[in-house]
């Protein structure tokens, strides 16, 4: 993120929290976190240091040393929005706060703030895991750390995130992630690993909706969907007018062709809603209302 773009986003968010949305400033959320230092008078507030760390990462500074340098370079700009009675803290002060703070509590505080600005009800939420490749060199045994994100599809803002511990996968982390945001009326999309009854039931119990990808990890369900659309295609080719009348309001098609990088992509989606036809699927995955088949063809230029 460029310096100009960062400051425009920062000032916009700062104004939003003060005026339009009447959301508590991020500092108020961090103030509820305990100061990990010993109980004596300190020159620098732990709240401001936590703000520096959050802002530094937003400005793509991935180490405390870089955050301190960035804060000193932008001290005059920061003074317009923060107190900074004793200037920018030293690297050792940053390190004491970072080593002693509760990382999970800090993450929840930041997530609550973002959630109050954006709102998580009635939106499209994408759940996806990412590898933090830049942190690999700092991890013992050089193992790549994984993190699971819940993102707003419209703005790409991360609404919540949880780490994926070693020897586990996204399937065990998704329920923990879903506990954080309020997904009432929201549509949640997950890749094929989320196709379990426990995950789908949790979304339904939290008054959310889901669009669940099915692949060959659920062989019976995958084959059943293939069979249903194969039968529908034959019926449509044999008697197109009768097919259209019998399936009015239950069957729909959508296609799109667009240029993507050095290729042309053609996508076709078919959707079908029929309680009688998808009865077998509901035995393995309850709460399914409709099924869809997606086909994508990539043509190099």
C-alpha atoms as a PDB file:
ATOM      1  CA  UNK A   1       0.000   0.000   0.000  1.00  0.00           C
ATOM      2  CA  UNK A   2       1.487   3.355  -0.994  1.00  0.00           C
ATOM      3  CA  UNK A   3       1.981   6.106   1.586  1.00  0.00           C
ATOM      4  CA  UNK A   4      -0.602   8.394  -0.053  1.00  0.00           C
ATOM      5  CA  UNK A   5      -3.200   5.631  -0.255  1.00  0.00           C
ATOM      6  CA  UNK A   6      -2.573   4.584   3.370  1.00  0.00           C
ATOM      7  CA  UNK A   7      -3.059   8.088   4.771  1.00  0.00           C
ATOM      8  CA  UNK A   8      -6.212   8.651   2.723  1.00  0.00           C
ATOM      9  CA  UNK A   9      -7.681   5.396   4.092  1.00  0.00           C
ATOM     10  CA  UNK A  10      -6.516   6.167   7.646  1.00  0.00           C
ATOM     11  CA  UNK A  11      -7.975   9.682   7.679  1.00  0.00           C
ATOM     12  CA  UNK A  12     -11.241   8.427   6.176  1.00  0.00           C
ATOM     13  CA  UNK A  13     -11.600   5.746   8.868  1.00  0.00           C
ATOM     14  CA  UNK A  14     -10.654   8.233  11.588  1.00  0.00           C
ATOM     15  CA  UNK A  15     -13.362  10.640  10.384  1.00  0.00           C
ATOM     16  CA  UNK A  16     -15.917   7.844  10.195  1.00  0.00           C
ATOM     17  CA  UNK A  17     -15.282   6.822  13.791  1.00  0.00           C
ATOM     18  CA  UNK A  18     -15.669  10.424  14.929  1.00  0.00           C
ATOM     19  CA  UNK A  19     -18.684  11.530  12.945  1.00  0.00           C
ATOM     20  CA  UNK A  20     -20.752   9.585  10.451  1.00  0.00           C
ATOM     21  CA  UNK A  21     -21.015   6.152  12.037  1.00  0.00           C
ATOM     22  CA  UNK A  22     -20.536   7.196  15.671  1.00  0.00           C
ATOM     23  CA  UNK A  23     -18.338   4.150  16.268  1.00  0.00           C
ATOM     24  CA  UNK A  24     -15.982   4.050  19.243  1.00  0.00           C
ATOM     25  CA  UNK A  25     -12.385   4.853  18.225  1.00  0.00           C
ATOM     26  CA  UNK A  26     -10.012   1.899  18.047  1.00  0.00           C
ATOM     27  CA  UNK A  27      -8.181   3.299  21.078  1.00  0.00           C
ATOM     28  CA  UNK A  28     -11.267   2.670  23.231  1.00  0.00           C
ATOM     29  CA  UNK A  29     -11.161  -1.029  22.351  1.00  0.00           C
ATOM     30  CA  UNK A  30      -7.423  -1.251  23.075  1.00  0.00           C
ATOM     31  CA  UNK A  31      -7.895   0.609  26.374  1.00  0.00           C
ATOM     32  CA  UNK A  32      -9.829  -2.400  27.675  1.00  0.00           C
ATOM     33  CA  UNK A  33      -6.727  -4.549  27.264  1.00  0.00           C
ATOM     34  CA  UNK A  34      -4.398  -4.827  30.300  1.00  0.00           C
ATOM     35  CA  UNK A  35      -0.956  -3.200  30.218  1.00  0.00           C
ATOM     36  CA  UNK A  36       1.577  -6.100  30.410  1.00  0.00           C
ATOM     37  CA  UNK A  37       4.295  -3.873  31.948  1.00  0.00           C
ATOM     38  CA  UNK A  38       4.965  -3.580  35.672  1.00  0.00           C
ATOM     39  CA  UNK A  39       2.702  -1.245  37.668  1.00  0.00           C
ATOM     40  CA  UNK A  40       4.745   1.963  37.675  1.00  0.00           C
ATOM     41  CA  UNK A  41       4.504   5.257  35.855  1.00  0.00           C
ATOM     42  CA  UNK A  42       5.228   4.988  32.149  1.00  0.00           C
ATOM     43  CA  UNK A  43       6.170   7.638  29.584  1.00  0.00           C
ATOM     44  CA  UNK A  44       4.127   6.000  26.852  1.00  0.00           C
ATOM     45  CA  UNK A  45       0.601   4.633  26.933  1.00  0.00           C
ATOM     46  CA  UNK A  46       0.241   0.981  25.976  1.00  0.00           C
ATOM     47  CA  UNK A  47      -2.880   2.008  24.026  1.00  0.00           C
ATOM     48  CA  UNK A  48      -0.874   4.259  21.699  1.00  0.00           C
ATOM     49  CA  UNK A  49       1.744   1.543  21.221  1.00  0.00           C
ATOM     50  CA  UNK A  50      -0.968  -0.952  20.216  1.00  0.00           C
ATOM     51  CA  UNK A  51      -2.311   1.666  17.807  1.00  0.00           C
ATOM     52  CA  UNK A  52       1.173   2.087  16.303  1.00  0.00           C
ATOM     53  CA  UNK A  53       1.446  -1.683  15.795  1.00  0.00           C
ATOM     54  CA  UNK A  54      -1.988  -1.866  14.136  1.00  0.00           C
ATOM     55  CA  UNK A  55      -1.311   1.154  11.903  1.00  0.00           C
ATOM     56  CA  UNK A  56       2.164  -0.095  11.066  1.00  0.00           C
ATOM     57  CA  UNK A  57       0.834  -3.427   9.811  1.00  0.00           C
ATOM     58  CA  UNK A  58      -1.818  -1.603   7.800  1.00  0.00           C
ATOM     59  CA  UNK A  59       1.045   0.341   6.216  1.00  0.00           C
ATOM     60  CA  UNK A  60       2.721  -3.010   5.372  1.00  0.00           C
ATOM     61  CA  UNK A  61       5.481  -2.727   7.998  1.00  0.00           C
ATOM     62  CA  UNK A  62       5.964  -6.340   9.075  1.00  0.00           C
ATOM     63  CA  UNK A  63       8.428  -5.922  11.965  1.00  0.00           C
ATOM     64  CA  UNK A  64       8.582  -3.751  15.095  1.00  0.00           C
ATOM     65  CA  UNK A  65      11.805  -2.128  13.904  1.00  0.00           C
ATOM     66  CA  UNK A  66      10.133  -1.037  10.664  1.00  0.00           C
ATOM     67  CA  UNK A  67       7.053   0.166  12.530  1.00  0.00           C
ATOM     68  CA  UNK A  68       9.214   2.399  14.767  1.00  0.00           C
ATOM     69  CA  UNK A  69      11.031   3.874  11.745  1.00  0.00           C
ATOM     70  CA  UNK A  70       7.695   4.415   9.952  1.00  0.00           C
ATOM     71  CA  UNK A  71       6.189   6.137  13.013  1.00  0.00           C
ATOM     72  CA  UNK A  72       9.184   8.480  13.371  1.00  0.00           C
ATOM     73  CA  UNK A  73       9.025   9.440   9.685  1.00  0.00           C
ATOM     74  CA  UNK A  74       5.303  10.205   9.993  1.00  0.00           C
ATOM     75  CA  UNK A  75       5.342  11.697  13.484  1.00  0.00           C
ATOM     76  CA  UNK A  76       3.960  15.090  12.412  1.00  0.00           C
ATOM     77  CA  UNK A  77       1.029  13.489  10.615  1.00  0.00           C
ATOM     78  CA  UNK A  78       0.324  11.182  13.559  1.00  0.00           C
ATOM     79  CA  UNK A  79       0.282  14.135  15.984  1.00  0.00           C
ATOM     80  CA  UNK A  80      -2.816  15.451  14.219  1.00  0.00           C
ATOM     81  CA  UNK A  81      -4.765  12.406  15.414  1.00  0.00           C
ATOM     82  CA  UNK A  82      -2.874  11.074  18.467  1.00  0.00           C
ATOM     83  CA  UNK A  83      -1.570  12.704  21.686  1.00  0.00           C
ATOM     84  CA  UNK A  84       2.118  11.643  21.537  1.00  0.00           C
ATOM     85  CA  UNK A  85       3.056  13.616  24.666  1.00  0.00           C
ATOM     86  CA  UNK A  86       6.478  11.974  24.826  1.00  0.00           C
ATOM     87  CA  UNK A  87       7.060  11.309  21.150  1.00  0.00           C
ATOM     88  CA  UNK A  88       7.522   7.912  19.552  1.00  0.00           C
ATOM     89  CA  UNK A  89       8.408   5.042  21.949  1.00  0.00           C
ATOM     90  CA  UNK A  90      11.705   3.199  21.547  1.00  0.00           C
ATOM     91  CA  UNK A  91      12.027  -0.232  19.985  1.00  0.00           C
ATOM     92  CA  UNK A  92      12.560  -1.849  23.402  1.00  0.00           C
ATOM     93  CA  UNK A  93       9.280  -0.346  24.664  1.00  0.00           C
ATOM     94  CA  UNK A  94       7.476  -1.709  21.625  1.00  0.00           C
ATOM     95  CA  UNK A  95       9.054  -5.122  22.270  1.00  0.00           C
ATOM     96  CA  UNK A  96       7.930  -5.251  25.915  1.00  0.00           C
ATOM     97  CA  UNK A  97       4.336  -4.517  24.913  1.00  0.00           C
ATOM     98  CA  UNK A  98       4.350  -6.941  21.970  1.00  0.00           C
ATOM     99  CA  UNK A  99       5.871  -9.795  23.984  1.00  0.00           C
ATOM    100  CA  UNK A 100       3.496  -9.395  26.921  1.00  0.00           C
ATOM    101  CA  UNK A 101       0.173  -8.633  25.227  1.00  0.00           C
ATOM    102  CA  UNK A 102      -2.616 -11.165  24.761  1.00  0.00           C
ATOM    103  CA  UNK A 103      -2.564 -11.713  20.979  1.00  0.00           C
ATOM    104  CA  UNK A 104      -6.040 -13.262  20.844  1.00  0.00           C
ATOM    105  CA  UNK A 105      -7.552 -10.419  22.891  1.00  0.00           C
ATOM    106  CA  UNK A 106      -5.854  -7.837  20.666  1.00  0.00           C
ATOM    107  CA  UNK A 107      -7.161  -9.565  17.532  1.00  0.00           C
ATOM    108  CA  UNK A 108     -10.713  -9.667  18.925  1.00  0.00           C
ATOM    109  CA  UNK A 109     -10.549  -5.977  19.858  1.00  0.00           C
ATOM    110  CA  UNK A 110      -9.497  -5.016  16.332  1.00  0.00           C
ATOM    111  CA  UNK A 111     -12.134  -7.320  14.822  1.00  0.00           C
ATOM    112  CA  UNK A 112     -14.875  -5.789  16.979  1.00  0.00           C
ATOM    113  CA  UNK A 113     -13.873  -2.307  15.800  1.00  0.00           C
ATOM    114  CA  UNK A 114     -13.899  -3.293  12.110  1.00  0.00           C
ATOM    115  CA  UNK A 115     -17.213  -5.098  12.625  1.00  0.00           C
ATOM    116  CA  UNK A 116     -18.837  -2.000  14.107  1.00  0.00           C
ATOM    117  CA  UNK A 117     -17.659   0.145  11.190  1.00  0.00           C
ATOM    118  CA  UNK A 118     -18.680  -2.272   8.473  1.00  0.00           C
ATOM    119  CA  UNK A 119     -21.433  -4.408   9.974  1.00  0.00           C
ATOM    120  CA  UNK A 120     -21.550  -8.145   9.331  1.00  0.00           C
ATOM    121  CA  UNK A 121     -25.301  -8.639   8.879  1.00  0.00           C
ATOM    122  CA  UNK A 122     -26.820  -9.182   5.456  1.00  0.00           C
ATOM    123  CA  UNK A 123     -23.556  -9.202   3.484  1.00  0.00           C
ATOM    124  CA  UNK A 124     -21.523 -11.722   1.476  1.00  0.00           C
ATOM    125  CA  UNK A 125     -18.852 -13.287   3.703  1.00  0.00           C
ATOM    126  CA  UNK A 126     -16.022 -15.297   2.149  1.00  0.00           C
ATOM    127  CA  UNK A 127     -14.182 -17.812   4.342  1.00  0.00           C
ATOM    128  CA  UNK A 128     -10.761 -18.803   3.059  1.00  0.00           C
ATOM    129  CA  UNK A 129      -7.391 -19.873   4.429  1.00  0.00           C
ATOM    130  CA  UNK A 130      -4.101 -18.216   3.511  1.00  0.00           C
ATOM    131  CA  UNK A 131      -0.440 -19.061   3.970  1.00  0.00           C
ATOM    132  CA  UNK A 132       1.682 -16.323   5.579  1.00  0.00           C
ATOM    133  CA  UNK A 133       4.754 -16.938   3.451  1.00  0.00           C
ATOM    134  CA  UNK A 134       6.504 -13.769   4.612  1.00  0.00           C
ATOM    135  CA  UNK A 135       6.548 -15.112   8.186  1.00  0.00           C
ATOM    136  CA  UNK A 136       8.109 -18.474   7.283  1.00  0.00           C
ATOM    137  CA  UNK A 137      11.688 -17.389   8.035  1.00  0.00           C
ATOM    138  CA  UNK A 138      10.680 -16.289  11.545  1.00  0.00           C
ATOM    139  CA  UNK A 139       9.033 -19.606  12.471  1.00  0.00           C
ATOM    140  CA  UNK A 140      10.859 -22.529  14.055  1.00  0.00           C
ATOM    141  CA  UNK A 141      11.573 -25.347  11.575  1.00  0.00           C
ATOM    142  CA  UNK A 142      10.608 -22.902   8.777  1.00  0.00           C
ATOM    143  CA  UNK A 143       7.027 -24.182   8.684  1.00  0.00           C
ATOM    144  CA  UNK A 144       4.581 -21.941   6.848  1.00  0.00           C
ATOM    145  CA  UNK A 145       1.913 -20.569   9.240  1.00  0.00           C
ATOM    146  CA  UNK A 146      -1.717 -20.702   8.111  1.00  0.00           C
ATOM    147  CA  UNK A 147      -4.511 -18.312   9.026  1.00  0.00           C
ATOM    148  CA  UNK A 148      -8.253 -18.524   8.314  1.00  0.00           C
ATOM    149  CA  UNK A 149     -10.026 -15.302   7.296  1.00  0.00           C
ATOM    150  CA  UNK A 150     -13.648 -14.210   7.087  1.00  0.00           C
ATOM    151  CA  UNK A 151     -13.777 -11.368   4.536  1.00  0.00           C
ATOM    152  CA  UNK A 152     -16.438  -9.036   3.217  1.00  0.00           C
ATOM    153  CA  UNK A 153     -16.654  -9.782  -0.513  1.00  0.00           C
ATOM    154  CA  UNK A 154     -17.593  -6.196  -1.398  1.00  0.00           C
ATOM    155  CA  UNK A 155     -14.713  -4.392   0.362  1.00  0.00           C
ATOM    156  CA  UNK A 156     -12.148  -7.203   0.937  1.00  0.00           C
ATOM    157  CA  UNK A 157     -11.959  -6.156   4.588  1.00  0.00           C
ATOM    158  CA  UNK A 158     -11.129  -8.954   7.025  1.00  0.00           C
ATOM    159  CA  UNK A 159     -13.988  -9.265   9.517  1.00  0.00           C
ATOM    160  CA  UNK A 160     -12.439 -11.991  11.659  1.00  0.00           C
ATOM    161  CA  UNK A 161      -9.525 -14.400  11.589  1.00  0.00           C
ATOM    162  CA  UNK A 162      -8.141 -17.334  13.558  1.00  0.00           C
ATOM    163  CA  UNK A 163      -4.843 -19.206  13.250  1.00  0.00           C
ATOM    164  CA  UNK A 164      -4.837 -22.786  11.977  1.00  0.00           C
ATOM    165  CA  UNK A 165      -2.629 -24.760  14.391  1.00  0.00           C
ATOM    166  CA  UNK A 166      -0.216 -27.424  13.199  1.00  0.00           C
ATOM    167  CA  UNK A 167      -1.642 -30.893  12.601  1.00  0.00           C
ATOM    168  CA  UNK A 168      -5.102 -29.425  11.999  1.00  0.00           C
ATOM    169  CA  UNK A 169      -6.879 -27.992   8.967  1.00  0.00           C
ATOM    170  CA  UNK A 170      -9.550 -25.487   7.977  1.00  0.00           C
ATOM    171  CA  UNK A 171     -12.336 -27.910   8.871  1.00  0.00           C
ATOM    172  CA  UNK A 172     -11.565 -27.629  12.600  1.00  0.00           C
ATOM    173  CA  UNK A 173     -10.917 -23.856  12.468  1.00  0.00           C
ATOM    174  CA  UNK A 174     -14.077 -22.817  10.569  1.00  0.00           C
ATOM    175  CA  UNK A 175     -16.475 -23.360  13.559  1.00  0.00           C
ATOM    176  CA  UNK A 176     -14.204 -21.212  15.771  1.00  0.00           C
ATOM    177  CA  UNK A 177     -14.160 -18.481  13.130  1.00  0.00           C
ATOM    178  CA  UNK A 178     -17.945 -18.540  12.732  1.00  0.00           C
ATOM    179  CA  UNK A 179     -18.375 -17.865  16.455  1.00  0.00           C
ATOM    180  CA  UNK A 180     -16.865 -14.366  16.122  1.00  0.00           C
ATOM    181  CA  UNK A 181     -19.017 -12.319  13.650  1.00  0.00           C
ATOM    182  CA  UNK A 182     -22.789 -11.909  13.620  1.00  0.00           C
ATOM    183  CA  UNK A 183     -23.814 -13.515  10.309  1.00  0.00           C
ATOM    184  CA  UNK A 184     -27.563 -12.919  10.578  1.00  0.00           C
ATOM    185  CA  UNK A 185     -28.937 -12.673   7.035  1.00  0.00           C
ATOM    186  CA  UNK A 186     -25.452 -12.993   5.501  1.00  0.00           C
ATOM    187  CA  UNK A 187     -24.479 -15.396   2.716  1.00  0.00           C
ATOM    188  CA  UNK A 188     -21.376 -17.408   3.648  1.00  0.00           C
ATOM    189  CA  UNK A 189     -19.260 -19.025   0.932  1.00  0.00           C
ATOM    190  CA  UNK A 190     -16.712 -21.716   1.804  1.00  0.00           C
ATOM    191  CA  UNK A 191     -14.556 -23.955  -0.352  1.00  0.00           C
ATOM    192  CA  UNK A 192     -15.158 -27.703  -0.560  1.00  0.00           C
ATOM    193  CA  UNK A 193     -13.557 -28.503   2.801  1.00  0.00           C
ATOM    194  CA  UNK A 194     -16.511 -26.872   4.570  1.00  0.00           C
ATOM    195  CA  UNK A 195     -19.016 -29.385   3.217  1.00  0.00           C
ATOM    196  CA  UNK A 196     -19.823 -30.958   6.588  1.00  0.00           C
ATOM    197  CA  UNK A 197     -23.117 -31.156   8.434  1.00  0.00           C
ATOM    198  CA  UNK A 198     -21.624 -29.556  11.579  1.00  0.00           C
ATOM    199  CA  UNK A 199     -20.436 -26.427   9.737  1.00  0.00           C
ATOM    200  CA  UNK A 200     -23.617 -25.989   7.700  1.00  0.00           C
ATOM    201  CA  UNK A 201     -25.772 -26.544  10.792  1.00  0.00           C
ATOM    202  CA  UNK A 202     -23.812 -23.853  12.652  1.00  0.00           C
ATOM    203  CA  UNK A 203     -24.418 -21.335   9.854  1.00  0.00           C
ATOM    204  CA  UNK A 204     -28.131 -22.187   9.839  1.00  0.00           C
ATOM    205  CA  UNK A 205     -28.384 -21.869  13.643  1.00  0.00           C
ATOM    206  CA  UNK A 206     -26.765 -18.410  13.456  1.00  0.00           C
ATOM    207  CA  UNK A 207     -29.493 -17.318  10.972  1.00  0.00           C
ATOM    208  CA  UNK A 208     -27.098 -17.184   8.047  1.00  0.00           C
ATOM    209  CA  UNK A 209     -27.195 -18.629   4.538  1.00  0.00           C
ATOM    210  CA  UNK A 210     -24.516 -20.551   2.699  1.00  0.00           C
ATOM    211  CA  UNK A 211     -23.327 -21.307  -0.818  1.00  0.00           C
ATOM    212  CA  UNK A 212     -21.327 -24.486  -0.365  1.00  0.00           C
ATOM    213  CA  UNK A 213     -18.947 -25.866  -2.948  1.00  0.00           C
ATOM    214  CA  UNK A 214     -19.154 -29.623  -3.484  1.00  0.00           C
ATOM    215  CA  UNK A 215     -16.245 -31.552  -5.001  1.00  0.00           C
ATOM    216  CA  UNK A 216     -15.167 -35.179  -5.045  1.00  0.00           C
ATOM    217  CA  UNK A 217     -14.405 -35.029  -1.322  1.00  0.00           C
ATOM    218  CA  UNK A 218     -18.150 -35.803  -0.987  1.00  0.00           C
ATOM    219  CA  UNK A 219     -18.310 -38.509  -3.683  1.00  0.00           C
ATOM    220  CA  UNK A 220     -21.949 -39.570  -3.216  1.00  0.00           C
ATOM    221  CA  UNK A 221     -23.284 -35.983  -3.184  1.00  0.00           C
ATOM    222  CA  UNK A 222     -21.032 -34.945  -6.070  1.00  0.00           C
ATOM    223  CA  UNK A 223     -22.193 -37.841  -8.248  1.00  0.00           C
ATOM    224  CA  UNK A 224     -25.855 -37.275  -7.346  1.00  0.00           C
ATOM    225  CA  UNK A 225     -25.652 -33.629  -8.467  1.00  0.00           C
ATOM    226  CA  UNK A 226     -23.946 -34.692 -11.704  1.00  0.00           C
ATOM    227  CA  UNK A 227     -26.714 -37.242 -12.342  1.00  0.00           C
ATOM    228  CA  UNK A 228     -29.503 -34.718 -11.713  1.00  0.00           C
ATOM    229  CA  UNK A 229     -28.128 -32.143 -14.144  1.00  0.00           C
ATOM    230  CA  UNK A 230     -27.304 -34.840 -16.695  1.00  0.00           C
ATOM    231  CA  UNK A 231     -30.944 -35.979 -16.637  1.00  0.00           C
ATOM    232  CA  UNK A 232     -32.180 -32.381 -16.852  1.00  0.00           C
ATOM    233  CA  UNK A 233     -29.976 -31.719 -19.892  1.00  0.00           C
ATOM    234  CA  UNK A 234     -31.409 -34.755 -21.708  1.00  0.00           C
ATOM    235  CA  UNK A 235     -34.993 -33.695 -20.926  1.00  0.00           C
ATOM    236  CA  UNK A 236     -34.266 -30.159 -22.144  1.00  0.00           C
ATOM    237  CA  UNK A 237     -32.813 -31.375 -25.450  1.00  0.00           C
ATOM    238  CA  UNK A 238     -35.700 -33.813 -26.054  1.00  0.00           C
ATOM    239  CA  UNK A 239     -38.654 -31.522 -25.259  1.00  0.00           C
ATOM    240  CA  UNK A 240     -37.466 -27.905 -24.749  1.00  0.00           C
ATOM    241  CA  UNK A 241     -40.927 -26.317 -24.561  1.00  0.00           C
ATOM    242  CA  UNK A 242     -42.343 -28.911 -22.175  1.00  0.00           C
ATOM    243  CA  UNK A 243     -39.165 -28.722 -20.076  1.00  0.00           C
ATOM    244  CA  UNK A 244     -39.503 -24.921 -19.789  1.00  0.00           C
ATOM    245  CA  UNK A 245     -43.150 -25.198 -18.677  1.00  0.00           C
ATOM    246  CA  UNK A 246     -42.572 -27.957 -16.111  1.00  0.00           C
ATOM    247  CA  UNK A 247     -39.513 -26.307 -14.583  1.00  0.00           C
ATOM    248  CA  UNK A 248     -40.617 -22.673 -14.648  1.00  0.00           C
ATOM    249  CA  UNK A 249     -39.314 -20.998 -11.490  1.00  0.00           C
ATOM    250  CA  UNK A 250     -37.246 -24.070 -10.590  1.00  0.00           C
ATOM    251  CA  UNK A 251     -34.514 -24.107 -13.251  1.00  0.00           C
ATOM    252  CA  UNK A 252     -32.328 -21.238 -14.448  1.00  0.00           C
ATOM    253  CA  UNK A 253     -29.146 -20.737 -16.452  1.00  0.00           C
ATOM    254  CA  UNK A 254     -26.516 -17.985 -16.480  1.00  0.00           C
ATOM    255  CA  UNK A 255     -23.462 -17.603 -18.692  1.00  0.00           C
ATOM    256  CA  UNK A 256     -20.697 -15.045 -18.952  1.00  0.00           C
ATOM    257  CA  UNK A 257     -17.605 -14.556 -21.075  1.00  0.00           C
ATOM    258  CA  UNK A 258     -14.776 -12.225 -20.063  1.00  0.00           C
ATOM    259  CA  UNK A 259     -11.087 -11.580 -20.629  1.00  0.00           C
ATOM    260  CA  UNK A 260      -8.868 -12.474 -17.691  1.00  0.00           C
ATOM    261  CA  UNK A 261      -5.139 -11.776 -18.012  1.00  0.00           C
ATOM    262  CA  UNK A 262      -3.855 -13.652 -21.067  1.00  0.00           C
ATOM    263  CA  UNK A 263      -6.933 -15.808 -21.614  1.00  0.00           C
ATOM    264  CA  UNK A 264     -10.655 -15.725 -22.254  1.00  0.00           C
ATOM    265  CA  UNK A 265     -12.891 -17.370 -19.649  1.00  0.00           C
ATOM    266  CA  UNK A 266     -16.367 -18.683 -20.372  1.00  0.00           C
ATOM    267  CA  UNK A 267     -18.515 -19.566 -17.348  1.00  0.00           C
ATOM    268  CA  UNK A 268     -21.875 -21.289 -17.309  1.00  0.00           C
ATOM    269  CA  UNK A 269     -23.985 -21.860 -14.186  1.00  0.00           C
ATOM    270  CA  UNK A 270     -27.174 -23.910 -13.918  1.00  0.00           C
ATOM    271  CA  UNK A 271     -29.374 -23.770 -10.827  1.00  0.00           C
ATOM    272  CA  UNK A 272     -32.173 -26.166  -9.851  1.00  0.00           C
ATOM    273  CA  UNK A 273     -34.644 -26.085  -6.941  1.00  0.00           C
ATOM    274  CA  UNK A 274     -36.806 -29.160  -6.450  1.00  0.00           C
ATOM    275  CA  UNK A 275     -37.450 -30.768  -3.058  1.00  0.00           C
ATOM    276  CA  UNK A 276     -38.233 -34.172  -4.582  1.00  0.00           C
ATOM    277  CA  UNK A 277     -35.121 -34.268  -6.777  1.00  0.00           C
ATOM    278  CA  UNK A 278     -32.582 -33.364  -4.077  1.00  0.00           C
ATOM    279  CA  UNK A 279     -33.996 -35.574  -1.315  1.00  0.00           C
ATOM    280  CA  UNK A 280     -31.000 -37.947  -1.426  1.00  0.00           C
ATOM    281  CA  UNK A 281     -28.565 -35.047  -1.099  1.00  0.00           C
ATOM    282  CA  UNK A 282     -30.261 -33.784   2.047  1.00  0.00           C
ATOM    283  CA  UNK A 283     -29.588 -37.106   3.782  1.00  0.00           C
ATOM    284  CA  UNK A 284     -25.851 -36.344   3.691  1.00  0.00           C
ATOM    285  CA  UNK A 285     -26.008 -32.526   3.859  1.00  0.00           C
ATOM    286  CA  UNK A 286     -29.180 -31.153   5.493  1.00  0.00           C
ATOM    287  CA  UNK A 287     -30.448 -27.588   4.942  1.00  0.00           C
ATOM    288  CA  UNK A 288     -29.744 -27.753   1.175  1.00  0.00           C
ATOM    289  CA  UNK A 289     -32.420 -25.758  -0.669  1.00  0.00           C
ATOM    290  CA  UNK A 290     -31.036 -25.619  -4.211  1.00  0.00           C
ATOM    291  CA  UNK A 291     -28.219 -27.169  -6.207  1.00  0.00           C
ATOM    292  CA  UNK A 292     -26.103 -25.672  -8.972  1.00  0.00           C
ATOM    293  CA  UNK A 293     -23.628 -26.869 -11.556  1.00  0.00           C
ATOM    294  CA  UNK A 294     -20.771 -24.630 -12.669  1.00  0.00           C
ATOM    295  CA  UNK A 295     -18.619 -25.079 -15.756  1.00  0.00           C
ATOM    296  CA  UNK A 296     -15.600 -22.909 -16.607  1.00  0.00           C
ATOM    297  CA  UNK A 297     -13.666 -23.046 -19.861  1.00  0.00           C
ATOM    298  CA  UNK A 298     -10.381 -21.146 -20.273  1.00  0.00           C
ATOM    299  CA  UNK A 299      -9.207 -20.341 -23.801  1.00  0.00           C
ATOM    300  CA  UNK A 300      -5.652 -18.951 -24.219  1.00  0.00           C
ATOM    301  CA  UNK A 301      -5.366 -15.893 -26.492  1.00  0.00           C
END
